Amino acid sequence: MFFIIDDMMFPSVIFRVTVTNETTKSGINTSDSNQLSTSGKLDAYYIGVYGGIIASTLVAASVQTCLFAITLTLSSKRVHDLMFAALLRLQMKFFDTNPSGKVTY
């Protein structure tokens, strides 16, 4: 296959590649309508790679968010349980001397 570069506006950045119709040594016509060009296959490969990276990033972020929420919920439950257990162990004198709504020790 021969590649012809045409419409070269900025050769180092943007150019269009077209495949010429040619018969190979085995006698098979390799026109661009019958098979993908090499650049098309590479584009599909890189799109798949980038798509996989994006999908794995989304999954990792979702897992991280769920684990963070579970950890915060469990730790706040533990703090609440410890404070409530400490409050239950206090003597009645604490409740008699402190007004309702003021919890200091």
PDB file of N, CA and C in Angstrom:
ATOM      1  N   MET A   1       0.839  -1.176   0.000  1.00  0.00           N
ATOM      2  CA  MET A   1       0.000   0.000   0.000  1.00  0.00           C
ATOM      3  C   MET A   1       0.881   1.234   0.000  1.00  0.00           C
ATOM      4  N   PHE A   2       0.471   2.209  -0.764  1.00  0.00           N
ATOM      5  CA  PHE A   2       1.172   3.475  -0.806  1.00  0.00           C
ATOM      6  C   PHE A   2       0.290   4.543  -0.171  1.00  0.00           C
ATOM      7  N   PHE A   3       0.900   5.427   0.575  1.00  0.00           N
ATOM      8  CA  PHE A   3       0.176   6.514   1.205  1.00  0.00           C
ATOM      9  C   PHE A   3       0.526   7.818   0.489  1.00  0.00           C
ATOM     10  N   ILE A   4      -0.498   8.575   0.179  1.00  0.00           N
ATOM     11  CA  ILE A   4      -0.307   9.878  -0.443  1.00  0.00           C
ATOM     12  C   ILE A   4      -0.774  10.926   0.552  1.00  0.00           C
ATOM     13  N   ILE A   5       0.079  11.859   0.856  1.00  0.00           N
ATOM     14  CA  ILE A   5      -0.284  12.932   1.782  1.00  0.00           C
ATOM     15  C   ILE A   5      -0.719  14.116   0.943  1.00  0.00           C
ATOM     16  N   ASP A   6      -2.005  14.488   1.127  1.00  0.00           N
ATOM     17  CA  ASP A   6      -2.502  15.638   0.378  1.00  0.00           C
ATOM     18  C   ASP A   6      -3.140  16.630   1.350  1.00  0.00           C
ATOM     19  N   ASP A   7      -3.357  17.836   0.903  1.00  0.00           N
ATOM     20  CA  ASP A   7      -3.915  18.919   1.705  1.00  0.00           C
ATOM     21  C   ASP A   7      -3.078  19.163   2.958  1.00  0.00           C
ATOM     22  N   MET A   8      -1.785  19.362   2.782  1.00  0.00           N
ATOM     23  CA  MET A   8      -0.899  19.593   3.923  1.00  0.00           C
ATOM     24  C   MET A   8      -0.944  21.061   4.300  1.00  0.00           C
ATOM     25  N   MET A   9      -1.784  21.400   5.286  1.00  0.00           N
ATOM     26  CA  MET A   9      -1.829  22.778   5.769  1.00  0.00           C
ATOM     27  C   MET A   9      -0.660  23.050   6.696  1.00  0.00           C
ATOM     28  N   PHE A  10      -0.528  22.252   7.725  1.00  0.00           N
ATOM     29  CA  PHE A  10       0.557  22.360   8.686  1.00  0.00           C
ATOM     30  C   PHE A  10       1.165  20.973   8.801  1.00  0.00           C
ATOM     31  N   PRO A  11       2.236  20.710   8.092  1.00  0.00           N
ATOM     32  CA  PRO A  11       2.767  19.352   8.007  1.00  0.00           C
ATOM     33  C   PRO A  11       3.107  18.725   9.351  1.00  0.00           C
ATOM     34  N   SER A  12       3.524  19.516  10.327  1.00  0.00           N
ATOM     35  CA  SER A  12       3.912  18.925  11.605  1.00  0.00           C
ATOM     36  C   SER A  12       2.718  18.666  12.512  1.00  0.00           C
ATOM     37  N   VAL A  13       1.542  19.235  12.179  1.00  0.00           N
ATOM     38  CA  VAL A  13       0.402  19.099  13.075  1.00  0.00           C
ATOM     39  C   VAL A  13      -0.756  18.370  12.416  1.00  0.00           C
ATOM     40  N   ILE A  14      -1.244  18.860  11.270  1.00  0.00           N
ATOM     41  CA  ILE A  14      -2.455  18.320  10.664  1.00  0.00           C
ATOM     42  C   ILE A  14      -2.176  17.930   9.212  1.00  0.00           C
ATOM     43  N   PHE A  15      -2.493  16.710   8.846  1.00  0.00           N
ATOM     44  CA  PHE A  15      -2.450  16.304   7.453  1.00  0.00           C
ATOM     45  C   PHE A  15      -3.413  15.143   7.259  1.00  0.00           C
ATOM     46  N   ARG A  16      -3.831  14.929   6.014  1.00  0.00           N
ATOM     47  CA  ARG A  16      -4.783  13.874   5.701  1.00  0.00           C
ATOM     48  C   ARG A  16      -4.065  12.808   4.892  1.00  0.00           C
ATOM     49  N   VAL A  17      -4.270  11.554   5.265  1.00  0.00           N
ATOM     50  CA  VAL A  17      -3.630  10.433   4.586  1.00  0.00           C
ATOM     51  C   VAL A  17      -4.703   9.660   3.835  1.00  0.00           C
ATOM     52  N   THR A  18      -4.441   9.378   2.535  1.00  0.00           N
ATOM     53  CA  THR A  18      -5.356   8.560   1.758  1.00  0.00           C
ATOM     54  C   THR A  18      -4.600   7.361   1.221  1.00  0.00           C
ATOM     55  N   VAL A  19      -5.297   6.256   1.024  1.00  0.00           N
ATOM     56  CA  VAL A  19      -4.696   5.027   0.531  1.00  0.00           C
ATOM     57  C   VAL A  19      -5.015   4.907  -0.954  1.00  0.00           C
ATOM     58  N   THR A  20      -4.000   4.605  -1.769  1.00  0.00           N
ATOM     59  CA  THR A  20      -4.234   4.453  -3.200  1.00  0.00           C
ATOM     60  C   THR A  20      -4.685   3.027  -3.506  1.00  0.00           C
ATOM     61  N   ASN A  21      -5.428   2.878  -4.576  1.00  0.00           N
ATOM     62  CA  ASN A  21      -5.844   1.555  -5.022  1.00  0.00           C
ATOM     63  C   ASN A  21      -4.677   0.888  -5.735  1.00  0.00           C
ATOM     64  N   GLU A  22      -4.286  -0.276  -5.256  1.00  0.00           N
ATOM     65  CA  GLU A  22      -3.176  -0.974  -5.875  1.00  0.00           C
ATOM     66  C   GLU A  22      -3.371  -2.468  -5.673  1.00  0.00           C
ATOM     67  N   THR A  23      -2.910  -3.239  -6.625  1.00  0.00           N
ATOM     68  CA  THR A  23      -2.963  -4.690  -6.522  1.00  0.00           C
ATOM     69  C   THR A  23      -1.657  -5.176  -5.924  1.00  0.00           C
ATOM     70  N   THR A  24      -1.758  -6.006  -4.889  1.00  0.00           N
ATOM     71  CA  THR A  24      -0.550  -6.519  -4.234  1.00  0.00           C
ATOM     72  C   THR A  24       0.031  -7.663  -5.051  1.00  0.00           C
ATOM     73  N   LYS A  25       1.158  -8.222  -4.579  1.00  0.00           N
ATOM     74  CA  LYS A  25       1.814  -9.316  -5.286  1.00  0.00           C
ATOM     75  C   LYS A  25       0.927 -10.553  -5.387  1.00  0.00           C
ATOM     76  N   SER A  26       0.021 -10.721  -4.406  1.00  0.00           N
ATOM     77  CA  SER A  26      -0.853 -11.899  -4.436  1.00  0.00           C
ATOM     78  C   SER A  26      -2.066 -11.685  -5.324  1.00  0.00           C
ATOM     79  N   GLY A  27      -2.212 -10.490  -5.899  1.00  0.00           N
ATOM     80  CA  GLY A  27      -3.311 -10.231  -6.810  1.00  0.00           C
ATOM     81  C   GLY A  27      -4.565  -9.723  -6.128  1.00  0.00           C
ATOM     82  N   ILE A  28      -4.491  -9.339  -4.836  1.00  0.00           N
ATOM     83  CA  ILE A  28      -5.655  -8.841  -4.109  1.00  0.00           C
ATOM     84  C   ILE A  28      -5.669  -7.323  -4.210  1.00  0.00           C
ATOM     85  N   ASN A  29      -6.833  -6.777  -4.551  1.00  0.00           N
ATOM     86  CA  ASN A  29      -6.985  -5.333  -4.649  1.00  0.00           C
ATOM     87  C   ASN A  29      -7.132  -4.765  -3.243  1.00  0.00           C
ATOM     88  N   THR A  30      -6.247  -3.868  -2.884  1.00  0.00           N
ATOM     89  CA  THR A  30      -6.277  -3.292  -1.532  1.00  0.00           C
ATOM     90  C   THR A  30      -6.785  -1.866  -1.609  1.00  0.00           C
ATOM     91  N   SER A  31      -8.060  -1.708  -1.848  1.00  0.00           N
ATOM     92  CA  SER A  31      -8.626  -0.361  -1.896  1.00  0.00           C
ATOM     93  C   SER A  31      -9.111   0.027  -0.503  1.00  0.00           C
ATOM     94  N   ASP A  32      -9.202   1.315  -0.255  1.00  0.00           N
ATOM     95  CA  ASP A  32      -9.601   1.788   1.063  1.00  0.00           C
ATOM     96  C   ASP A  32     -11.059   1.491   1.370  1.00  0.00           C
ATOM     97  N   SER A  33     -11.867   1.137   0.383  1.00  0.00           N
ATOM     98  CA  SER A  33     -13.256   0.787   0.650  1.00  0.00           C
ATOM     99  C   SER A  33     -13.386  -0.651   1.134  1.00  0.00           C
ATOM    100  N   ASN A  34     -12.389  -1.492   0.906  1.00  0.00           N
ATOM    101  CA  ASN A  34     -12.463  -2.895   1.311  1.00  0.00           C
ATOM    102  C   ASN A  34     -11.875  -3.145   2.693  1.00  0.00           C
ATOM    103  N   GLN A  35     -10.931  -2.358   3.130  1.00  0.00           N
ATOM    104  CA  GLN A  35     -10.328  -2.580   4.442  1.00  0.00           C
ATOM    105  C   GLN A  35      -9.949  -1.251   5.072  1.00  0.00           C
ATOM    106  N   LEU A  36      -9.798  -1.278   6.387  1.00  0.00           N
ATOM    107  CA  LEU A  36      -9.405  -0.070   7.104  1.00  0.00           C
ATOM    108  C   LEU A  36      -7.949   0.246   6.829  1.00  0.00           C
ATOM    109  N   SER A  37      -7.640   1.505   6.813  1.00  0.00           N
ATOM    110  CA  SER A  37      -6.244   1.879   6.671  1.00  0.00           C
ATOM    111  C   SER A  37      -5.527   1.660   7.997  1.00  0.00           C
ATOM    112  N   THR A  38      -4.226   1.672   7.949  1.00  0.00           N
ATOM    113  CA  THR A  38      -3.428   1.465   9.155  1.00  0.00           C
ATOM    114  C   THR A  38      -3.714   2.541  10.187  1.00  0.00           C
ATOM    115  N   SER A  39      -3.875   3.777   9.745  1.00  0.00           N
ATOM    116  CA  SER A  39      -4.149   4.858  10.697  1.00  0.00           C
ATOM    117  C   SER A  39      -5.517   4.683  11.337  1.00  0.00           C
ATOM    118  N   GLY A  40      -6.477   4.146  10.619  1.00  0.00           N
ATOM    119  CA  GLY A  40      -7.801   3.885  11.184  1.00  0.00           C
ATOM    120  C   GLY A  40      -7.755   2.828  12.268  1.00  0.00           C
ATOM    121  N   LYS A  41      -6.929   1.791  12.047  1.00  0.00           N
ATOM    122  CA  LYS A  41      -6.789   0.742  13.061  1.00  0.00           C
ATOM    123  C   LYS A  41      -6.106   1.288  14.310  1.00  0.00           C
ATOM    124  N   LEU A  42      -5.096   2.128  14.103  1.00  0.00           N
ATOM    125  CA  LEU A  42      -4.416   2.730  15.256  1.00  0.00           C
ATOM    126  C   LEU A  42      -5.336   3.665  16.015  1.00  0.00           C
ATOM    127  N   ASP A  43      -6.152   4.421  15.276  1.00  0.00           N
ATOM    128  CA  ASP A  43      -7.107   5.312  15.940  1.00  0.00           C
ATOM    129  C   ASP A  43      -8.071   4.511  16.799  1.00  0.00           C
ATOM    130  N   ALA A  44      -8.594   3.408  16.269  1.00  0.00           N
ATOM    131  CA  ALA A  44      -9.520   2.577  17.037  1.00  0.00           C
ATOM    132  C   ALA A  44      -8.831   1.985  18.254  1.00  0.00           C
ATOM    133  N   TYR A  45      -7.575   1.594  18.108  1.00  0.00           N
ATOM    134  CA  TYR A  45      -6.823   1.036  19.234  1.00  0.00           C
ATOM    135  C   TYR A  45      -6.650   2.075  20.344  1.00  0.00           C
ATOM    136  N   TYR A  46      -6.216   3.274  19.972  1.00  0.00           N
ATOM    137  CA  TYR A  46      -5.981   4.309  20.974  1.00  0.00           C
ATOM    138  C   TYR A  46      -7.282   4.782  21.611  1.00  0.00           C
ATOM    139  N   ILE A  47      -8.358   4.829  20.843  1.00  0.00           N
ATOM    140  CA  ILE A  47      -9.652   5.186  21.417  1.00  0.00           C
ATOM    141  C   ILE A  47     -10.063   4.133  22.438  1.00  0.00           C
ATOM    142  N   GLY A  48      -9.815   2.867  22.141  1.00  0.00           N
ATOM    143  CA  GLY A  48     -10.109   1.806  23.101  1.00  0.00           C
ATOM    144  C   GLY A  48      -9.265   1.908  24.358  1.00  0.00           C
ATOM    145  N   VAL A  49      -7.989   2.222  24.183  1.00  0.00           N
ATOM    146  CA  VAL A  49      -7.099   2.383  25.349  1.00  0.00           C
ATOM    147  C   VAL A  49      -7.562   3.546  26.212  1.00  0.00           C
ATOM    148  N   TYR A  50      -7.818   4.691  25.601  1.00  0.00           N
ATOM    149  CA  TYR A  50      -8.262   5.863  26.358  1.00  0.00           C
ATOM    150  C   TYR A  50      -9.619   5.607  27.007  1.00  0.00           C
ATOM    151  N   GLY A  51     -10.508   4.932  26.299  1.00  0.00           N
ATOM    152  CA  GLY A  51     -11.807   4.589  26.873  1.00  0.00           C
ATOM    153  C   GLY A  51     -11.661   3.677  28.082  1.00  0.00           C
ATOM    154  N   GLY A  52     -10.734   2.725  28.002  1.00  0.00           N
ATOM    155  CA  GLY A  52     -10.482   1.836  29.139  1.00  0.00           C
ATOM    156  C   GLY A  52      -9.917   2.579  30.331  1.00  0.00           C
ATOM    157  N   ILE A  53      -9.031   3.517  30.060  1.00  0.00           N
ATOM    158  CA  ILE A  53      -8.465   4.323  31.149  1.00  0.00           C
ATOM    159  C   ILE A  53      -9.556   5.162  31.809  1.00  0.00           C
ATOM    160  N   ILE A  54     -10.405   5.768  31.017  1.00  0.00           N
ATOM    161  CA  ILE A  54     -11.489   6.582  31.565  1.00  0.00           C
ATOM    162  C   ILE A  54     -12.459   5.722  32.370  1.00  0.00           C
ATOM    163  N   ALA A  55     -12.819   4.551  31.844  1.00  0.00           N
ATOM    164  CA  ALA A  55     -13.746   3.666  32.562  1.00  0.00           C
ATOM    165  C   ALA A  55     -13.150   3.194  33.882  1.00  0.00           C
ATOM    166  N   SER A  56     -11.866   2.817  33.872  1.00  0.00           N
ATOM    167  CA  SER A  56     -11.250   2.364  35.120  1.00  0.00           C
ATOM    168  C   SER A  56     -11.118   3.512  36.121  1.00  0.00           C
ATOM    169  N   THR A  57     -10.894   4.728  35.649  1.00  0.00           N
ATOM    170  CA  THR A  57     -10.845   5.884  36.541  1.00  0.00           C
ATOM    171  C   THR A  57     -12.206   6.135  37.179  1.00  0.00           C
ATOM    172  N   LEU A  58     -13.272   6.031  36.397  1.00  0.00           N
ATOM    173  CA  LEU A  58     -14.616   6.216  36.940  1.00  0.00           C
ATOM    174  C   LEU A  58     -14.956   5.147  37.968  1.00  0.00           C
ATOM    175  N   VAL A  59     -14.597   3.913  37.689  1.00  0.00           N
ATOM    176  CA  VAL A  59     -14.867   2.828  38.641  1.00  0.00           C
ATOM    177  C   VAL A  59     -14.066   3.040  39.923  1.00  0.00           C
ATOM    178  N   ALA A  60     -12.800   3.396  39.800  1.00  0.00           N
ATOM    179  CA  ALA A  60     -11.963   3.626  40.982  1.00  0.00           C
ATOM    180  C   ALA A  60     -12.490   4.797  41.811  1.00  0.00           C
ATOM    181  N   ALA A  61     -12.931   5.861  41.163  1.00  0.00           N
ATOM    182  CA  ALA A  61     -13.475   7.011  41.888  1.00  0.00           C
ATOM    183  C   ALA A  61     -14.772   6.645  42.602  1.00  0.00           C
ATOM    184  N   SER A  62     -15.612   5.835  41.965  1.00  0.00           N
ATOM    185  CA  SER A  62     -16.853   5.408  42.597  1.00  0.00           C
ATOM    186  C   SER A  62     -16.581   4.528  43.811  1.00  0.00           C
ATOM    187  N   VAL A  63     -15.647   3.604  43.680  1.00  0.00           N
ATOM    188  CA  VAL A  63     -15.293   2.733  44.802  1.00  0.00           C
ATOM    189  C   VAL A  63     -14.710   3.562  45.938  1.00  0.00           C
ATOM    190  N   GLN A  64     -13.848   4.508  45.622  1.00  0.00           N
ATOM    191  CA  GLN A  64     -13.247   5.363  46.635  1.00  0.00           C
ATOM    192  C   GLN A  64     -14.318   6.174  47.363  1.00  0.00           C
ATOM    193  N   THR A  65     -15.287   6.715  46.638  1.00  0.00           N
ATOM    194  CA  THR A  65     -16.356   7.500  47.243  1.00  0.00           C
ATOM    195  C   THR A  65     -17.199   6.646  48.173  1.00  0.00           C
ATOM    196  N   CYS A  66     -17.541   5.436  47.727  1.00  0.00           N
ATOM    197  CA  CYS A  66     -18.343   4.538  48.570  1.00  0.00           C
ATOM    198  C   CYS A  66     -17.585   4.144  49.833  1.00  0.00           C
ATOM    199  N   LEU A  67     -16.314   3.803  49.706  1.00  0.00           N
ATOM    200  CA  LEU A  67     -15.529   3.430  50.883  1.00  0.00           C
ATOM    201  C   LEU A  67     -15.380   4.607  51.845  1.00  0.00           C
ATOM    202  N   PHE A  68     -15.219   5.806  51.324  1.00  0.00           N
ATOM    203  CA  PHE A  68     -15.112   6.994  52.162  1.00  0.00           C
ATOM    204  C   PHE A  68     -16.405   7.231  52.928  1.00  0.00           C
ATOM    205  N   ALA A  69     -17.549   7.096  52.255  1.00  0.00           N
ATOM    206  CA  ALA A  69     -18.846   7.294  52.912  1.00  0.00           C
ATOM    207  C   ALA A  69     -19.079   6.241  53.993  1.00  0.00           C
ATOM    208  N   ILE A  70     -18.733   4.992  53.703  1.00  0.00           N
ATOM    209  CA  ILE A  70     -18.905   3.920  54.691  1.00  0.00           C
ATOM    210  C   ILE A  70     -18.009   4.171  55.899  1.00  0.00           C
ATOM    211  N   THR A  71     -16.764   4.559  55.658  1.00  0.00           N
ATOM    212  CA  THR A  71     -15.830   4.823  56.759  1.00  0.00           C
ATOM    213  C   THR A  71     -16.318   5.976  57.625  1.00  0.00           C
ATOM    214  N   LEU A  72     -16.789   7.060  57.012  1.00  0.00           N
ATOM    215  CA  LEU A  72     -17.290   8.189  57.784  1.00  0.00           C
ATOM    216  C   LEU A  72     -18.534   7.818  58.584  1.00  0.00           C
ATOM    217  N   THR A  73     -19.412   7.034  57.999  1.00  0.00           N
ATOM    218  CA  THR A  73     -20.620   6.621  58.704  1.00  0.00           C
ATOM    219  C   THR A  73     -20.283   5.759  59.912  1.00  0.00           C
ATOM    220  N   LEU A  74     -19.382   4.802  59.726  1.00  0.00           N
ATOM    221  CA  LEU A  74     -19.003   3.934  60.842  1.00  0.00           C
ATOM    222  C   LEU A  74     -18.280   4.702  61.943  1.00  0.00           C
ATOM    223  N   SER A  75     -17.412   5.639  61.567  1.00  0.00           N
ATOM    224  CA  SER A  75     -16.690   6.391  62.592  1.00  0.00           C
ATOM    225  C   SER A  75     -17.622   7.333  63.348  1.00  0.00           C
ATOM    226  N   SER A  76     -18.567   7.966  62.677  1.00  0.00           N
ATOM    227  CA  SER A  76     -19.509   8.840  63.382  1.00  0.00           C
ATOM    228  C   SER A  76     -20.425   8.033  64.295  1.00  0.00           C
ATOM    229  N   LYS A  77     -20.784   6.831  63.876  1.00  0.00           N
ATOM    230  CA  LYS A  77     -21.590   5.946  64.734  1.00  0.00           C
ATOM    231  C   LYS A  77     -20.794   5.553  65.978  1.00  0.00           C
ATOM    232  N   ARG A  78     -19.518   5.282  65.803  1.00  0.00           N
ATOM    233  CA  ARG A  78     -18.671   4.911  66.943  1.00  0.00           C
ATOM    234  C   ARG A  78     -18.528   6.072  67.919  1.00  0.00           C
ATOM    235  N   VAL A  79     -18.310   7.297  67.408  1.00  0.00           N
ATOM    236  CA  VAL A  79     -18.200   8.467  68.280  1.00  0.00           C
ATOM    237  C   VAL A  79     -19.507   8.688  69.039  1.00  0.00           C
ATOM    238  N   HIS A  80     -20.627   8.547  68.344  1.00  0.00           N
ATOM    239  CA  HIS A  80     -21.929   8.709  68.994  1.00  0.00           C
ATOM    240  C   HIS A  80     -22.119   7.675  70.091  1.00  0.00           C
ATOM    241  N   ASP A  81     -21.805   6.433  69.811  1.00  0.00           N
ATOM    242  CA  ASP A  81     -21.969   5.372  70.810  1.00  0.00           C
ATOM    243  C   ASP A  81     -21.067   5.596  72.022  1.00  0.00           C
ATOM    244  N   LEU A  82     -19.825   6.050  71.797  1.00  0.00           N
ATOM    245  CA  LEU A  82     -18.920   6.315  72.913  1.00  0.00           C
ATOM    246  C   LEU A  82     -19.415   7.480  73.771  1.00  0.00           C
ATOM    247  N   MET A  83     -19.905   8.534  73.119  1.00  0.00           N
ATOM    248  CA  MET A  83     -20.417   9.676  73.882  1.00  0.00           C
ATOM    249  C   MET A  83     -21.663   9.287  74.663  1.00  0.00           C
ATOM    250  N   PHE A  84     -22.542   8.509  74.062  1.00  0.00           N
ATOM    251  CA  PHE A  84     -23.761   8.103  74.756  1.00  0.00           C
ATOM    252  C   PHE A  84     -23.444   7.180  75.924  1.00  0.00           C
ATOM    253  N   ALA A  85     -22.492   6.276  75.745  1.00  0.00           N
ATOM    254  CA  ALA A  85     -22.091   5.383  76.839  1.00  0.00           C
ATOM    255  C   ALA A  85     -21.463   6.187  77.974  1.00  0.00           C
ATOM    256  N   ALA A  86     -20.669   7.207  77.648  1.00  0.00           N
ATOM    257  CA  ALA A  86     -20.079   8.052  78.686  1.00  0.00           C
ATOM    258  C   ALA A  86     -21.159   8.851  79.410  1.00  0.00           C
ATOM    259  N   LEU A  87     -22.161   9.295  78.695  1.00  0.00           N
ATOM    260  CA  LEU A  87     -23.263  10.047  79.292  1.00  0.00           C
ATOM    261  C   LEU A  87     -24.076   9.174  80.239  1.00  0.00           C
ATOM    262  N   LEU A  88     -24.264   7.913  79.888  1.00  0.00           N
ATOM    263  CA  LEU A  88     -25.018   6.994  80.753  1.00  0.00           C
ATOM    264  C   LEU A  88     -24.255   6.649  82.026  1.00  0.00           C
ATOM    265  N   ARG A  89     -22.927   6.708  81.968  1.00  0.00           N
ATOM    266  CA  ARG A  89     -22.132   6.368  83.151  1.00  0.00           C
ATOM    267  C   ARG A  89     -22.003   7.521  84.146  1.00  0.00           C
ATOM    268  N   LEU A  90     -22.461   8.697  83.785  1.00  0.00           N
ATOM    269  CA  LEU A  90     -22.339   9.846  84.682  1.00  0.00           C
ATOM    270  C   LEU A  90     -23.231   9.672  85.907  1.00  0.00           C
ATOM    271  N   GLN A  91     -22.844  10.316  86.997  1.00  0.00           N
ATOM    272  CA  GLN A  91     -23.646  10.289  88.212  1.00  0.00           C
ATOM    273  C   GLN A  91     -24.835  11.227  88.056  1.00  0.00           C
ATOM    274  N   MET A  92     -25.850  11.006  88.855  1.00  0.00           N
ATOM    275  CA  MET A  92     -27.050  11.841  88.790  1.00  0.00           C
ATOM    276  C   MET A  92     -26.760  13.279  89.209  1.00  0.00           C
ATOM    277  N   LYS A  93     -25.744  13.478  90.014  1.00  0.00           N
ATOM    278  CA  LYS A  93     -25.379  14.823  90.452  1.00  0.00           C
ATOM    279  C   LYS A  93     -25.073  15.729  89.257  1.00  0.00           C
ATOM    280  N   PHE A  94     -24.462  15.177  88.210  1.00  0.00           N
ATOM    281  CA  PHE A  94     -24.155  15.949  86.997  1.00  0.00           C
ATOM    282  C   PHE A  94     -25.428  16.515  86.386  1.00  0.00           C
ATOM    283  N   PHE A  95     -26.478  15.705  86.344  1.00  0.00           N
ATOM    284  CA  PHE A  95     -27.728  16.151  85.725  1.00  0.00           C
ATOM    285  C   PHE A  95     -28.476  17.131  86.624  1.00  0.00           C
ATOM    286  N   ASP A  96     -28.259  17.005  87.944  1.00  0.00           N
ATOM    287  CA  ASP A  96     -28.911  17.932  88.862  1.00  0.00           C
ATOM    288  C   ASP A  96     -28.263  19.307  88.833  1.00  0.00           C
ATOM    289  N   THR A  97     -26.947  19.361  88.665  1.00  0.00           N
ATOM    290  CA  THR A  97     -26.251  20.650  88.709  1.00  0.00           C
ATOM    291  C   THR A  97     -26.217  21.355  87.355  1.00  0.00           C
ATOM    292  N   ASN A  98     -26.284  20.648  86.273  1.00  0.00           N
ATOM    293  CA  ASN A  98     -26.227  21.270  84.923  1.00  0.00           C
ATOM    294  C   ASN A  98     -27.628  21.382  84.339  1.00  0.00           C
ATOM    295  N   PRO A  99     -27.967  22.531  83.815  1.00  0.00           N
ATOM    296  CA  PRO A  99     -29.296  22.665  83.205  1.00  0.00           C
ATOM    297  C   PRO A  99     -29.406  21.858  81.918  1.00  0.00           C
ATOM    298  N   SER A 100     -30.603  21.580  81.523  1.00  0.00           N
ATOM    299  CA  SER A 100     -30.878  20.830  80.293  1.00  0.00           C
ATOM    300  C   SER A 100     -30.360  21.613  79.089  1.00  0.00           C
ATOM    301  N   GLY A 101     -29.659  20.951  78.193  1.00  0.00           N
ATOM    302  CA  GLY A 101     -29.111  21.593  76.994  1.00  0.00           C
ATOM    303  C   GLY A 101     -27.666  22.006  77.155  1.00  0.00           C
ATOM    304  N   LYS A 102     -27.176  22.088  78.372  1.00  0.00           N
ATOM    305  CA  LYS A 102     -25.775  22.434  78.613  1.00  0.00           C
ATOM    306  C   LYS A 102     -25.059  21.171  79.030  1.00  0.00           C
ATOM    307  N   VAL A 103     -24.242  20.619  78.145  1.00  0.00           N
ATOM    308  CA  VAL A 103     -23.539  19.385  78.446  1.00  0.00           C
ATOM    309  C   VAL A 103     -22.048  19.693  78.477  1.00  0.00           C
ATOM    310  N   THR A 104     -21.538  20.024  79.641  1.00  0.00           N
ATOM    311  CA  THR A 104     -20.107  20.244  79.837  1.00  0.00           C
ATOM    312  C   THR A 104     -19.699  19.486  81.087  1.00  0.00           C
ATOM    313  N   TYR A 105     -18.474  19.191  81.189  1.00  0.00           N
ATOM    314  CA  TYR A 105     -18.014  18.443  82.363  1.00  0.00           C
ATOM    315  C   TYR A 105     -16.896  19.166  83.039  1.00  0.00           C
TER     316      TYR A 105
END
